[in-house]
Amino acid sequence: QEIKAIENAFEESQDTVARSQALDELYARYTHEFLNAHEAVRLGAVSDMLDPLAMRSTFIRHLNRLWQGYSPGPMTSLQREFF
């Protein structure tokens, strides 16, 4: 009886180890295939990948695009801070 209990416990621990290894492999595969920047750009989840060194120039380029459509003028309607 005691030997059977030990064998069952050993099998369960082996199943737990195998399950843990399988989950680790699945997580690594998922991370490699889906959680990388190139795949996110390909799928359209992000619009641009930024190199930290090129961040300033990219930021300025986007701000310039926003400022091109702006034309200062007098207020033509009621302006409120809170709606």
Protein backbone atom coordinates (compact mmCIF):
# COMPACT_ATOMS: atom_id res chain seq x y z
CA GLN A 1 0.00 0.00 0.00
CA GLU A 2 2.77 2.37 0.97
CA ILE A 3 4.76 1.53 -2.17
CA LYS A 4 1.72 2.31 -4.35
CA ALA A 5 1.35 5.71 -2.66
CA ILE A 6 5.03 6.47 -3.26
CA GLU A 7 4.77 5.40 -6.92
CA ASN A 8 1.67 7.57 -7.42
CA ALA A 9 3.38 10.55 -5.80
CA PHE A 10 6.42 10.03 -8.03
CA GLU A 11 4.24 9.85 -11.16
CA GLU A 12 2.36 13.00 -10.15
CA SER A 13 5.60 14.88 -9.55
CA GLN A 14 6.91 13.70 -12.94
CA ASP A 15 3.64 14.89 -14.56
CA THR A 16 4.04 18.26 -12.85
CA VAL A 17 7.62 18.59 -14.10
CA ALA A 18 6.62 17.59 -17.64
CA ARG A 19 3.68 20.01 -17.58
CA SER A 20 5.90 22.80 -16.29
CA GLN A 21 8.48 22.16 -19.01
CA ALA A 22 5.78 22.11 -21.70
CA LEU A 23 4.35 25.41 -20.45
CA ASP A 24 7.82 26.97 -20.39
CA GLU A 25 8.43 25.88 -23.99
CA LEU A 26 5.02 27.21 -25.06
CA TYR A 27 5.69 30.55 -23.33
CA ALA A 28 9.10 30.85 -24.99
CA ARG A 29 7.61 30.08 -28.40
CA TYR A 30 4.77 32.58 -27.89
CA THR A 31 7.23 35.27 -26.76
CA HIS A 32 9.47 34.65 -29.75
CA GLU A 33 6.62 34.60 -32.30
CA PHE A 34 4.26 37.27 -31.01
CA LEU A 35 5.89 39.49 -28.40
CA ASN A 36 8.57 41.05 -30.54
CA ALA A 37 8.61 44.49 -32.09
CA HIS A 38 8.98 43.37 -35.70
CA GLU A 39 5.92 41.15 -35.49
CA ALA A 40 3.90 43.96 -33.88
CA VAL A 41 4.76 46.28 -36.77
CA ARG A 42 3.91 43.58 -39.31
CA LEU A 43 0.53 42.96 -37.70
CA GLY A 44 -0.20 46.70 -37.48
CA ALA A 45 -0.37 46.78 -33.70
CA VAL A 46 2.15 49.63 -33.67
CA SER A 47 2.77 52.23 -36.35
CA ASP A 48 6.47 52.87 -35.87
CA MET A 49 9.49 51.36 -34.16
CA LEU A 50 11.70 53.92 -32.46
CA ASP A 51 15.38 53.62 -31.85
CA PRO A 52 16.13 55.36 -28.55
CA LEU A 53 18.86 57.39 -30.25
CA ALA A 54 16.46 58.56 -32.98
CA MET A 55 13.67 59.44 -30.56
CA ARG A 56 14.28 63.19 -30.62
CA SER A 57 14.22 63.50 -34.42
CA THR A 58 11.11 61.33 -34.70
CA PHE A 59 9.35 63.36 -32.03
CA ILE A 60 10.23 66.63 -33.78
CA ARG A 61 9.06 65.26 -37.13
CA HIS A 62 5.66 64.34 -35.67
CA LEU A 63 5.31 67.70 -33.90
CA ASN A 64 6.13 69.55 -37.12
CA ARG A 65 3.40 67.61 -38.92
CA LEU A 66 0.90 68.65 -36.22
CA TRP A 67 1.99 72.30 -36.34
CA GLN A 68 1.60 72.49 -40.13
CA GLY A 69 -2.18 72.26 -39.81
CA TYR A 70 -2.40 74.83 -37.03
CA SER A 71 -3.27 78.44 -37.76
CA PRO A 72 -3.63 80.86 -34.85
CA GLY A 73 -6.68 83.09 -34.85
CA PRO A 74 -9.22 84.73 -32.61
CA MET A 75 -11.56 82.55 -30.60
CA THR A 76 -14.79 82.15 -32.52
CA SER A 77 -16.89 80.34 -29.96
CA LEU A 78 -17.29 79.85 -26.24
CA GLN A 79 -14.22 78.22 -24.71
CA ARG A 80 -14.68 76.11 -21.61
CA GLU A 81 -12.21 74.24 -19.48
CA PHE A 82 -14.69 71.63 -18.27
CA PHE A 83 -17.52 70.06 -20.22
